[in-house]
Amino acid sequence: MDARVELIKFYESYPESLLSVYGKSRSDIAPDLFESLLQYRDIQLHNLSQAEIFKVDDEAETMLAGLMNELSQEGLEDTFQHVKLPFPAMLIEKVSPINGFRGTGLLTRVDTAIEAQFHGLNTDGLLPSLTVVSASEFPFVVVPTPTLDLADGFLYVDRLSEGMVQDRTNAITIPFNGCRDSHSSETRGYA
């Protein structure tokens, strides 16, 4: 399964695919939220079409995590603010799955900052990211996505503990595939 293809397929049917998970239609959400969802979809499709693809194995991930921890221990976290991508977007695929999901990070250059969001993919579908993490300042800024705003309108707080996955950026992702009842779970994500 090609991560870029799966993400593009997801966002081509976005937000209608999410609305159908909840058994809802466009008329069930506020017009400004729907506009926000459409704008987010267009941005995602643009970023994915521009993204350079990189695959990261376990050894490389361990090395990068070690580097980040070392920078943190030395008080050099703000170094991330000065990192520049040589292209507008980068899609990083983790080779080894975690809990059945292949982690995929979409990094984008926005003005002078790098923004990151993380998705999980498996054979059953996609767990879109609920947040965007921006390295525009330290500590990093975490911004909810329109997907989260949509989910907030249809989820009950007591359901949030079911099926959650917490990624390394503390963004919460909730599975949506196969959920068809009126309290179905979904995810937040934005880049």
N, C-alpha and C. Protein backbone atom coordinates (compact mmCIF):
# COMPACT_ATOMS: atom_id res chain seq x y z
N MET A 1 0.85 -1.17 0.00
CA MET A 1 0.00 0.00 0.00
C MET A 1 0.90 1.24 0.00
N ASP A 2 0.68 2.11 -0.93
CA ASP A 2 1.44 3.35 -1.06
C ASP A 2 0.79 4.43 -0.20
N ALA A 3 1.53 4.97 0.75
CA ALA A 3 0.97 5.94 1.70
C ALA A 3 0.42 7.18 0.99
N ARG A 4 1.16 7.70 0.02
CA ARG A 4 0.68 8.91 -0.66
C ARG A 4 -0.65 8.63 -1.35
N VAL A 5 -0.75 7.50 -2.04
CA VAL A 5 -1.98 7.15 -2.76
C VAL A 5 -3.14 7.02 -1.77
N GLU A 6 -2.91 6.35 -0.64
CA GLU A 6 -3.97 6.17 0.37
C GLU A 6 -4.41 7.51 0.95
N LEU A 7 -3.46 8.38 1.25
CA LEU A 7 -3.80 9.68 1.81
C LEU A 7 -4.55 10.53 0.79
N ILE A 8 -4.11 10.50 -0.45
CA ILE A 8 -4.81 11.27 -1.50
C ILE A 8 -6.23 10.75 -1.67
N LYS A 9 -6.41 9.43 -1.70
CA LYS A 9 -7.77 8.87 -1.82
C LYS A 9 -8.65 9.33 -0.66
N PHE A 10 -8.08 9.33 0.55
CA PHE A 10 -8.84 9.78 1.71
C PHE A 10 -9.27 11.23 1.55
N TYR A 11 -8.32 12.11 1.22
CA TYR A 11 -8.64 13.53 1.14
C TYR A 11 -9.47 13.88 -0.09
N GLU A 12 -9.44 13.09 -1.14
CA GLU A 12 -10.32 13.35 -2.28
C GLU A 12 -11.79 13.19 -1.90
N SER A 13 -12.08 12.31 -0.95
CA SER A 13 -13.47 12.11 -0.52
C SER A 13 -13.79 12.84 0.79
N TYR A 14 -12.88 13.66 1.23
CA TYR A 14 -13.00 14.42 2.48
C TYR A 14 -13.78 15.70 2.21
N PRO A 15 -14.70 16.12 3.02
CA PRO A 15 -15.11 15.59 4.31
C PRO A 15 -16.31 14.64 4.23
N GLU A 16 -16.84 14.40 3.03
CA GLU A 16 -18.02 13.55 2.91
C GLU A 16 -17.82 12.17 3.53
N SER A 17 -16.60 11.62 3.38
CA SER A 17 -16.33 10.30 3.96
C SER A 17 -16.48 10.32 5.48
N LEU A 18 -16.04 11.40 6.12
CA LEU A 18 -16.17 11.50 7.57
C LEU A 18 -17.61 11.71 7.98
N LEU A 19 -18.33 12.52 7.23
CA LEU A 19 -19.73 12.74 7.54
C LEU A 19 -20.51 11.42 7.47
N SER A 20 -20.17 10.59 6.48
CA SER A 20 -20.88 9.32 6.36
C SER A 20 -20.58 8.39 7.53
N VAL A 21 -19.37 8.49 8.10
CA VAL A 21 -19.03 7.69 9.29
C VAL A 21 -20.01 8.00 10.42
N TYR A 22 -20.38 9.27 10.53
CA TYR A 22 -21.30 9.70 11.58
C TYR A 22 -22.76 9.58 11.18
N GLY A 23 -23.02 9.19 9.92
CA GLY A 23 -24.40 9.16 9.44
C GLY A 23 -24.96 10.56 9.29
N LYS A 24 -24.11 11.50 8.95
CA LYS A 24 -24.52 12.90 8.83
C LYS A 24 -24.38 13.37 7.39
N SER A 25 -24.95 14.54 7.12
CA SER A 25 -24.81 15.15 5.80
C SER A 25 -24.29 16.57 5.97
N ARG A 26 -24.02 17.24 4.84
CA ARG A 26 -23.51 18.62 4.89
C ARG A 26 -24.42 19.53 5.69
N SER A 27 -25.72 19.32 5.56
CA SER A 27 -26.68 20.20 6.25
C SER A 27 -26.64 20.06 7.77
N ASP A 28 -25.98 19.01 8.27
CA ASP A 28 -25.89 18.79 9.71
C ASP A 28 -24.76 19.56 10.38
N ILE A 29 -23.91 20.23 9.59
CA ILE A 29 -22.81 20.99 10.20
C ILE A 29 -22.88 22.45 9.76
N ALA A 30 -22.26 23.29 10.53
CA ALA A 30 -22.26 24.73 10.25
C ALA A 30 -21.55 25.01 8.93
N PRO A 31 -22.06 25.95 8.15
CA PRO A 31 -21.43 26.28 6.86
C PRO A 31 -19.96 26.69 6.99
N ASP A 32 -19.61 27.43 8.05
CA ASP A 32 -18.21 27.85 8.20
C ASP A 32 -17.30 26.66 8.49
N LEU A 33 -17.79 25.66 9.23
CA LEU A 33 -17.01 24.45 9.46
C LEU A 33 -16.85 23.68 8.16
N PHE A 34 -17.90 23.59 7.38
CA PHE A 34 -17.80 22.89 6.11
C PHE A 34 -16.78 23.57 5.19
N GLU A 35 -16.80 24.89 5.15
CA GLU A 35 -15.81 25.63 4.35
C GLU A 35 -14.40 25.36 4.84
N SER A 36 -14.23 25.32 6.15
CA SER A 36 -12.92 25.03 6.74
C SER A 36 -12.45 23.62 6.36
N LEU A 37 -13.36 22.67 6.37
CA LEU A 37 -13.04 21.29 5.97
C LEU A 37 -12.61 21.24 4.50
N LEU A 38 -13.32 21.95 3.64
CA LEU A 38 -12.97 21.96 2.21
C LEU A 38 -11.61 22.63 1.98
N GLN A 39 -11.35 23.71 2.68
CA GLN A 39 -10.05 24.39 2.55
C GLN A 39 -8.93 23.46 3.02
N TYR A 40 -9.15 22.80 4.14
CA TYR A 40 -8.17 21.86 4.67
C TYR A 40 -7.91 20.73 3.67
N ARG A 41 -8.99 20.20 3.08
CA ARG A 41 -8.85 19.15 2.07
C ARG A 41 -7.96 19.63 0.91
N ASP A 42 -8.23 20.81 0.41
CA ASP A 42 -7.46 21.33 -0.72
C ASP A 42 -5.99 21.51 -0.36
N ILE A 43 -5.72 21.99 0.85
CA ILE A 43 -4.33 22.15 1.30
C ILE A 43 -3.64 20.79 1.39
N GLN A 44 -4.34 19.80 1.96
CA GLN A 44 -3.76 18.47 2.09
C GLN A 44 -3.44 17.88 0.72
N LEU A 45 -4.37 17.97 -0.21
CA LEU A 45 -4.14 17.42 -1.54
C LEU A 45 -2.96 18.12 -2.23
N HIS A 46 -2.87 19.43 -2.06
CA HIS A 46 -1.74 20.17 -2.63
C HIS A 46 -0.42 19.71 -2.00
N ASN A 47 -0.38 19.64 -0.67
CA ASN A 47 0.85 19.22 0.01
C ASN A 47 1.26 17.82 -0.39
N LEU A 48 0.30 16.91 -0.45
CA LEU A 48 0.62 15.53 -0.82
C LEU A 48 1.12 15.43 -2.26
N SER A 49 0.59 16.25 -3.14
CA SER A 49 1.05 16.21 -4.54
C SER A 49 2.47 16.75 -4.68
N GLN A 50 2.91 17.60 -3.74
CA GLN A 50 4.24 18.20 -3.78
C GLN A 50 5.28 17.43 -2.98
N ALA A 51 4.84 16.49 -2.14
CA ALA A 51 5.72 15.88 -1.14
C ALA A 51 6.77 14.95 -1.74
N GLU A 52 7.99 15.11 -1.26
CA GLU A 52 9.06 14.15 -1.51
C GLU A 52 8.86 13.02 -0.51
N ILE A 53 9.06 11.78 -0.94
CA ILE A 53 8.78 10.62 -0.08
C ILE A 53 10.08 10.02 0.46
N PHE A 54 10.09 9.78 1.77
CA PHE A 54 11.22 9.14 2.44
C PHE A 54 10.69 8.01 3.31
N LYS A 55 11.41 6.90 3.33
CA LYS A 55 11.07 5.77 4.19
C LYS A 55 12.12 5.69 5.30
N VAL A 56 11.65 5.47 6.53
CA VAL A 56 12.52 5.44 7.68
C VAL A 56 12.40 4.07 8.33
N ASP A 57 13.55 3.39 8.49
CA ASP A 57 13.53 2.09 9.17
C ASP A 57 13.72 2.30 10.67
N ASP A 58 13.65 1.21 11.41
CA ASP A 58 13.73 1.29 12.87
C ASP A 58 15.05 1.90 13.35
N GLU A 59 16.14 1.53 12.70
CA GLU A 59 17.46 2.03 13.09
C GLU A 59 17.56 3.55 12.89
N ALA A 60 17.06 4.04 11.76
CA ALA A 60 17.09 5.48 11.50
C ALA A 60 16.18 6.23 12.48
N GLU A 61 15.02 5.65 12.79
CA GLU A 61 14.11 6.28 13.74
C GLU A 61 14.76 6.38 15.12
N THR A 62 15.43 5.32 15.54
CA THR A 62 16.11 5.31 16.83
C THR A 62 17.20 6.38 16.87
N MET A 63 17.94 6.50 15.79
CA MET A 63 19.00 7.52 15.71
C MET A 63 18.41 8.92 15.79
N LEU A 64 17.32 9.18 15.05
CA LEU A 64 16.70 10.51 15.08
C LEU A 64 16.10 10.82 16.45
N ALA A 65 15.46 9.83 17.08
CA ALA A 65 14.90 10.03 18.42
C ALA A 65 16.02 10.33 19.41
N GLY A 66 17.15 9.63 19.29
CA GLY A 66 18.29 9.89 20.15
C GLY A 66 18.82 11.30 19.97
N LEU A 67 18.90 11.76 18.73
CA LEU A 67 19.35 13.12 18.45
C LEU A 67 18.41 14.14 19.07
N MET A 68 17.12 13.93 18.92
CA MET A 68 16.15 14.86 19.49
C MET A 68 16.24 14.88 21.01
N ASN A 69 16.40 13.71 21.63
CA ASN A 69 16.54 13.66 23.08
C ASN A 69 17.81 14.35 23.54
N GLU A 70 18.88 14.16 22.81
CA GLU A 70 20.14 14.81 23.17
C GLU A 70 20.03 16.33 23.07
N LEU A 71 19.39 16.82 22.00
CA LEU A 71 19.19 18.26 21.87
C LEU A 71 18.34 18.79 23.02
N SER A 72 17.32 18.03 23.41
CA SER A 72 16.46 18.44 24.52
C SER A 72 17.24 18.50 25.83
N GLN A 73 18.07 17.48 26.08
CA GLN A 73 18.85 17.44 27.31
C GLN A 73 19.85 18.58 27.37
N GLU A 74 20.33 19.02 26.23
CA GLU A 74 21.30 20.12 26.17
C GLU A 74 20.61 21.48 26.13
N GLY A 75 19.26 21.49 26.16
CA GLY A 75 18.53 22.75 26.12
C GLY A 75 18.53 23.40 24.75
N LEU A 76 18.68 22.61 23.72
CA LEU A 76 18.79 23.15 22.36
C LEU A 76 17.52 22.89 21.53
N GLU A 77 16.37 22.75 22.19
CA GLU A 77 15.13 22.46 21.47
C GLU A 77 14.81 23.50 20.40
N ASP A 78 15.18 24.75 20.66
CA ASP A 78 14.86 25.80 19.69
C ASP A 78 15.61 25.62 18.38
N THR A 79 16.55 24.70 18.33
CA THR A 79 17.26 24.39 17.08
C THR A 79 16.27 23.99 15.99
N PHE A 80 15.17 23.32 16.40
CA PHE A 80 14.18 22.86 15.42
C PHE A 80 13.52 24.03 14.70
N GLN A 81 13.49 25.19 15.32
CA GLN A 81 12.91 26.36 14.68
C GLN A 81 13.72 26.79 13.45
N HIS A 82 14.98 26.40 13.39
CA HIS A 82 15.85 26.86 12.32
C HIS A 82 16.04 25.82 11.21
N VAL A 83 15.39 24.68 11.36
CA VAL A 83 15.49 23.63 10.34
C VAL A 83 14.70 24.07 9.11
N LYS A 84 15.26 23.87 7.94
CA LYS A 84 14.61 24.23 6.68
C LYS A 84 14.49 22.99 5.81
N LEU A 85 13.36 22.85 5.14
CA LEU A 85 13.19 21.78 4.15
C LEU A 85 13.64 22.31 2.80
N PRO A 86 14.33 21.51 2.00
CA PRO A 86 14.74 21.96 0.68
C PRO A 86 13.62 21.87 -0.36
N PHE A 87 12.42 21.48 0.07
CA PHE A 87 11.26 21.37 -0.82
C PHE A 87 10.02 21.69 0.01
N PRO A 88 8.87 21.93 -0.62
CA PRO A 88 7.69 22.39 0.12
C PRO A 88 7.09 21.38 1.09
N ALA A 89 7.22 20.08 0.80
CA ALA A 89 6.60 19.07 1.66
C ALA A 89 7.40 17.77 1.61
N MET A 90 7.31 17.03 2.70
CA MET A 90 8.03 15.75 2.81
C MET A 90 7.10 14.75 3.48
N LEU A 91 6.96 13.58 2.87
CA LEU A 91 6.16 12.50 3.43
C LEU A 91 7.12 11.44 3.95
N ILE A 92 7.09 11.20 5.25
CA ILE A 92 8.00 10.22 5.86
C ILE A 92 7.17 9.01 6.27
N GLU A 93 7.55 7.85 5.73
CA GLU A 93 6.85 6.61 6.05
C GLU A 93 7.72 5.76 6.95
N LYS A 94 7.15 5.34 8.07
CA LYS A 94 7.85 4.41 8.95
C LYS A 94 7.65 3.01 8.38
N VAL A 95 8.75 2.28 8.18
CA VAL A 95 8.69 0.97 7.54
C VAL A 95 8.00 -0.06 8.43
N SER A 96 8.34 -0.10 9.72
CA SER A 96 7.78 -1.11 10.62
C SER A 96 6.49 -0.59 11.25
N PRO A 97 5.42 -1.38 11.20
CA PRO A 97 4.17 -0.93 11.81
C PRO A 97 4.23 -0.97 13.34
N ILE A 98 3.40 -0.14 13.96
CA ILE A 98 3.23 -0.13 15.42
C ILE A 98 1.74 -0.38 15.67
N ASN A 99 1.46 -1.42 16.45
CA ASN A 99 0.07 -1.80 16.73
C ASN A 99 -0.75 -1.96 15.45
N GLY A 100 -0.11 -2.49 14.41
CA GLY A 100 -0.81 -2.75 13.16
C GLY A 100 -0.90 -1.56 12.22
N PHE A 101 -0.41 -0.40 12.63
CA PHE A 101 -0.47 0.80 11.79
C PHE A 101 0.92 1.23 11.37
N ARG A 102 1.03 1.60 10.10
CA ARG A 102 2.25 2.18 9.58
C ARG A 102 2.17 3.68 9.78
N GLY A 103 3.10 4.22 10.55
CA GLY A 103 3.11 5.65 10.80
C GLY A 103 3.59 6.43 9.59
N THR A 104 2.91 7.53 9.31
CA THR A 104 3.27 8.39 8.18
C THR A 104 3.22 9.83 8.65
N GLY A 105 4.31 10.55 8.45
CA GLY A 105 4.37 11.95 8.83
C GLY A 105 4.41 12.83 7.60
N LEU A 106 3.60 13.87 7.59
CA LEU A 106 3.62 14.85 6.52
C LEU A 106 4.19 16.14 7.09
N LEU A 107 5.36 16.51 6.61
CA LEU A 107 6.01 17.75 7.03
C LEU A 107 5.87 18.76 5.91
N THR A 108 5.48 19.97 6.26
CA THR A 108 5.32 21.02 5.26
C THR A 108 6.04 22.28 5.72
N ARG A 109 6.50 23.03 4.75
CA ARG A 109 7.14 24.32 5.03
C ARG A 109 6.07 25.39 4.90
N VAL A 110 5.84 26.13 5.97
CA VAL A 110 4.86 27.22 5.98
C VAL A 110 5.59 28.45 6.46
N ASP A 111 5.80 29.38 5.55
CA ASP A 111 6.61 30.57 5.83
C ASP A 111 7.97 30.13 6.36
N THR A 112 8.30 30.48 7.59
CA THR A 112 9.61 30.11 8.14
C THR A 112 9.53 28.90 9.06
N ALA A 113 8.35 28.30 9.18
CA ALA A 113 8.17 27.17 10.10
C ALA A 113 7.98 25.86 9.36
N ILE A 114 8.23 24.78 10.07
CA ILE A 114 7.89 23.45 9.58
C ILE A 114 6.72 22.95 10.41
N GLU A 115 5.70 22.46 9.72
CA GLU A 115 4.54 21.90 10.39
C GLU A 115 4.49 20.42 10.12
N ALA A 116 4.06 19.65 11.11
CA ALA A 116 4.02 18.19 11.00
C ALA A 116 2.68 17.66 11.46
N GLN A 117 2.24 16.64 10.77
CA GLN A 117 1.07 15.90 11.21
C GLN A 117 1.33 14.43 10.96
N PHE A 118 0.66 13.58 11.72
CA PHE A 118 0.96 12.16 11.66
C PHE A 118 -0.32 11.36 11.45
N HIS A 119 -0.25 10.44 10.49
CA HIS A 119 -1.36 9.56 10.16
C HIS A 119 -0.94 8.12 10.42
N GLY A 120 -1.91 7.27 10.63
CA GLY A 120 -1.67 5.83 10.73
C GLY A 120 -2.40 5.13 9.60
N LEU A 121 -1.73 4.22 8.91
CA LEU A 121 -2.35 3.48 7.82
C LEU A 121 -2.23 1.98 8.07
N ASN A 122 -3.30 1.27 7.74
CA ASN A 122 -3.23 -0.19 7.72
C ASN A 122 -4.17 -0.69 6.63
N THR A 123 -4.34 -2.00 6.52
CA THR A 123 -5.15 -2.55 5.44
C THR A 123 -6.63 -2.21 5.59
N ASP A 124 -7.06 -1.84 6.79
CA ASP A 124 -8.47 -1.50 7.01
C ASP A 124 -8.78 -0.03 6.77
N GLY A 125 -7.78 0.79 6.65
CA GLY A 125 -8.06 2.20 6.42
C GLY A 125 -7.00 3.13 6.96
N LEU A 126 -7.44 4.28 7.38
CA LEU A 126 -6.56 5.39 7.70
C LEU A 126 -7.00 6.05 9.00
N LEU A 127 -6.04 6.40 9.83
CA LEU A 127 -6.29 7.21 11.02
C LEU A 127 -5.67 8.57 10.77
N PRO A 128 -6.46 9.56 10.38
CA PRO A 128 -5.87 10.87 10.13
C PRO A 128 -5.45 11.55 11.43
N SER A 129 -4.48 12.40 11.32
CA SER A 129 -3.99 13.15 12.48
C SER A 129 -5.05 14.12 12.96
N LEU A 130 -5.08 14.33 14.24
CA LEU A 130 -6.02 15.26 14.85
C LEU A 130 -5.43 16.65 15.01
N THR A 131 -4.12 16.76 14.88
CA THR A 131 -3.46 18.04 15.14
C THR A 131 -2.34 18.28 14.14
N VAL A 132 -1.91 19.52 14.11
CA VAL A 132 -0.71 19.92 13.41
C VAL A 132 0.25 20.45 14.46
N VAL A 133 1.49 20.01 14.39
CA VAL A 133 2.51 20.48 15.30
C VAL A 133 3.41 21.44 14.52
N SER A 134 3.53 22.66 15.01
CA SER A 134 4.33 23.67 14.32
C SER A 134 5.61 23.95 15.11
N ALA A 135 6.73 23.94 14.39
CA ALA A 135 8.03 24.26 15.00
C ALA A 135 8.34 25.74 14.83
N SER A 136 7.30 26.57 14.78
CA SER A 136 7.52 28.01 14.62
C SER A 136 8.10 28.64 15.87
N GLU A 137 7.91 27.98 17.01
CA GLU A 137 8.46 28.48 18.27
C GLU A 137 8.63 27.29 19.20
N PHE A 138 9.31 27.51 20.31
CA PHE A 138 9.45 26.45 21.31
C PHE A 138 8.88 26.94 22.61
N PRO A 139 8.06 26.18 23.31
CA PRO A 139 7.67 24.83 22.92
C PRO A 139 6.80 24.85 21.66
N PHE A 140 6.79 23.71 20.98
CA PHE A 140 6.05 23.60 19.73
C PHE A 140 4.58 23.96 19.93
N VAL A 141 3.99 24.49 18.89
CA VAL A 141 2.58 24.88 18.91
C VAL A 141 1.78 23.73 18.32
N VAL A 142 0.75 23.30 19.04
CA VAL A 142 -0.12 22.23 18.56
C VAL A 142 -1.47 22.84 18.22
N VAL A 143 -1.89 22.66 16.96
CA VAL A 143 -3.11 23.26 16.45
C VAL A 143 -4.09 22.15 16.06
N PRO A 144 -5.33 22.21 16.54
CA PRO A 144 -6.32 21.22 16.12
C PRO A 144 -6.69 21.43 14.65
N THR A 145 -7.11 20.36 14.02
CA THR A 145 -7.50 20.44 12.62
C THR A 145 -9.02 20.56 12.49
N PRO A 146 -9.50 20.92 11.31
CA PRO A 146 -10.94 20.91 11.08
C PRO A 146 -11.55 19.51 11.28
N THR A 147 -10.76 18.48 11.06
CA THR A 147 -11.24 17.12 11.30
C THR A 147 -11.61 16.97 12.77
N LEU A 148 -10.80 17.51 13.66
CA LEU A 148 -11.09 17.47 15.08
C LEU A 148 -12.35 18.27 15.39
N ASP A 149 -12.47 19.44 14.77
CA ASP A 149 -13.66 20.26 14.98
C ASP A 149 -14.92 19.50 14.57
N LEU A 150 -14.84 18.77 13.47
CA LEU A 150 -15.98 17.97 13.03
C LEU A 150 -16.26 16.85 14.03
N ALA A 151 -15.21 16.16 14.46
CA ALA A 151 -15.38 15.07 15.41
C ALA A 151 -15.96 15.57 16.73
N ASP A 152 -15.54 16.74 17.18
CA ASP A 152 -16.05 17.30 18.43
C ASP A 152 -17.57 17.47 18.40
N GLY A 153 -18.09 17.74 17.22
CA GLY A 153 -19.53 17.92 17.09
C GLY A 153 -20.33 16.64 17.17
N PHE A 154 -19.67 15.48 16.98
CA PHE A 154 -20.40 14.22 16.90
C PHE A 154 -19.97 13.19 17.92
N LEU A 155 -18.91 13.44 18.68
CA LEU A 155 -18.41 12.48 19.66
C LEU A 155 -18.91 12.81 21.06
N TYR A 156 -19.01 11.79 21.86
CA TYR A 156 -19.32 11.98 23.26
C TYR A 156 -18.04 11.74 24.05
N VAL A 157 -17.79 12.55 25.05
CA VAL A 157 -16.54 12.48 25.80
C VAL A 157 -16.30 11.08 26.37
N ASP A 158 -17.36 10.39 26.83
CA ASP A 158 -17.16 9.07 27.42
C ASP A 158 -16.71 8.04 26.39
N ARG A 159 -16.81 8.34 25.11
CA ARG A 159 -16.37 7.42 24.06
C ARG A 159 -14.90 7.64 23.69
N LEU A 160 -14.31 8.73 24.11
CA LEU A 160 -12.96 9.05 23.67
C LEU A 160 -11.91 8.06 24.14
N SER A 161 -12.19 7.31 25.19
CA SER A 161 -11.19 6.35 25.66
C SER A 161 -11.14 5.10 24.79
N GLU A 162 -12.14 4.87 23.96
CA GLU A 162 -12.19 3.67 23.14
C GLU A 162 -11.31 3.82 21.90
N GLY A 163 -10.36 2.90 21.75
CA GLY A 163 -9.59 2.79 20.51
C GLY A 163 -8.63 3.92 20.22
N MET A 164 -8.23 4.68 21.22
CA MET A 164 -7.32 5.80 20.94
C MET A 164 -5.89 5.31 20.75
N VAL A 165 -5.18 6.03 19.91
CA VAL A 165 -3.76 5.81 19.73
C VAL A 165 -3.10 7.15 19.98
N GLN A 166 -2.06 7.19 20.81
CA GLN A 166 -1.36 8.44 21.05
C GLN A 166 -0.01 8.37 20.37
N ASP A 167 0.22 9.29 19.43
CA ASP A 167 1.50 9.26 18.71
C ASP A 167 2.54 10.08 19.46
N ARG A 168 3.75 10.13 18.92
CA ARG A 168 4.86 10.77 19.62
C ARG A 168 4.71 12.26 19.81
N THR A 169 3.76 12.89 19.13
CA THR A 169 3.56 14.32 19.30
C THR A 169 2.42 14.62 20.25
N ASN A 170 1.91 13.57 20.91
CA ASN A 170 0.78 13.71 21.82
C ASN A 170 -0.50 14.11 21.11
N ALA A 171 -0.55 13.96 19.79
CA ALA A 171 -1.79 14.18 19.06
C ALA A 171 -2.61 12.91 19.19
N ILE A 172 -3.88 13.05 19.45
CA ILE A 172 -4.73 11.88 19.64
C ILE A 172 -5.40 11.54 18.33
N THR A 173 -5.37 10.27 17.98
CA THR A 173 -6.01 9.79 16.77
C THR A 173 -6.99 8.70 17.14
N ILE A 174 -8.21 8.80 16.66
CA ILE A 174 -9.25 7.85 17.00
C ILE A 174 -9.66 7.12 15.72
N PRO A 175 -9.73 5.77 15.75
CA PRO A 175 -10.12 5.04 14.55
C PRO A 175 -11.54 5.39 14.12
N PHE A 176 -11.76 5.48 12.81
CA PHE A 176 -13.09 5.74 12.32
C PHE A 176 -13.61 4.64 11.43
N ASN A 177 -12.76 3.83 10.83
CA ASN A 177 -13.25 2.78 9.94
C ASN A 177 -14.05 1.76 10.72
N GLY A 178 -15.17 1.36 10.16
CA GLY A 178 -16.00 0.36 10.78
C GLY A 178 -16.94 0.89 11.84
N CYS A 179 -16.81 2.16 12.23
CA CYS A 179 -17.71 2.73 13.24
C CYS A 179 -18.93 3.28 12.53
N ARG A 180 -20.09 2.74 12.81
CA ARG A 180 -21.27 3.16 12.09
C ARG A 180 -22.41 3.62 12.99
N ASP A 181 -22.30 3.47 14.31
CA ASP A 181 -23.40 3.89 15.16
C ASP A 181 -23.39 5.41 15.33
N SER A 182 -24.38 5.94 16.00
CA SER A 182 -24.51 7.40 16.09
C SER A 182 -23.42 8.04 16.94
N HIS A 183 -22.64 7.24 17.65
CA HIS A 183 -21.56 7.80 18.48
C HIS A 183 -20.20 7.41 17.93
N SER A 184 -20.09 7.20 16.62
CA SER A 184 -18.86 6.71 16.01
C SER A 184 -17.67 7.59 16.31
N SER A 185 -16.51 6.95 16.38
CA SER A 185 -15.26 7.67 16.59
C SER A 185 -14.67 8.07 15.26
N GLU A 186 -13.87 9.08 15.25
CA GLU A 186 -13.15 9.55 14.08
C GLU A 186 -11.88 10.19 14.55
N THR A 187 -11.26 11.03 13.75
CA THR A 187 -9.99 11.60 14.13
C THR A 187 -9.91 13.08 13.83
N ARG A 188 -8.90 13.69 14.41
CA ARG A 188 -8.55 15.08 14.12
C ARG A 188 -7.23 15.08 13.39
N GLY A 189 -7.01 16.05 12.50
CA GLY A 189 -5.73 16.18 11.81
C GLY A 189 -5.70 17.45 11.00
N TYR A 190 -4.56 18.11 10.91
CA TYR A 190 -4.47 19.35 10.16
C TYR A 190 -3.02 19.63 9.82
N ALA A 191 -2.79 20.17 8.65
CA ALA A 191 -1.43 20.57 8.30
C ALA A 191 -1.44 21.86 7.55
